[in-house]
């Protein structure tokens, strides 16, 4: 059973930074493609960032490119999302997701490509 637990959300002023963490159990990140998504109230869940299983490729939504960075610590089985220069429009619940197939990249921005999801952590950016 794969479980993902996010942490690190909170309230921050515009221009500030936060680092989200996603700790996994039941699966090693080094064999799994991972993604971060977010969902604002009344909106659909949207892609934020992704990392292929071997860590060779990372992908970002245009809206966060240059401000957010996805990384991982295989020893801790944890994936991070470093968020800098935060804007009020970044306010959302952020979710970590993992693909079910091992050693598989595939599409990185579609929610139905991911089989496991965390419970989400709220990020609120004040203006």
Foldseek 3Di string as FASTA:
>chain_A
DKAWAKDWADEEAAQAKIKMKIAIPPDQLLFWKKFKWWDDPPGDIWGAKIAASNRPDIDGDPVQPPFWDWDDDRVRSMIMIIGGRDDQVVWTWMKMFIADDTNDGPDDIDPVRTDYIHPTDTHGYHD
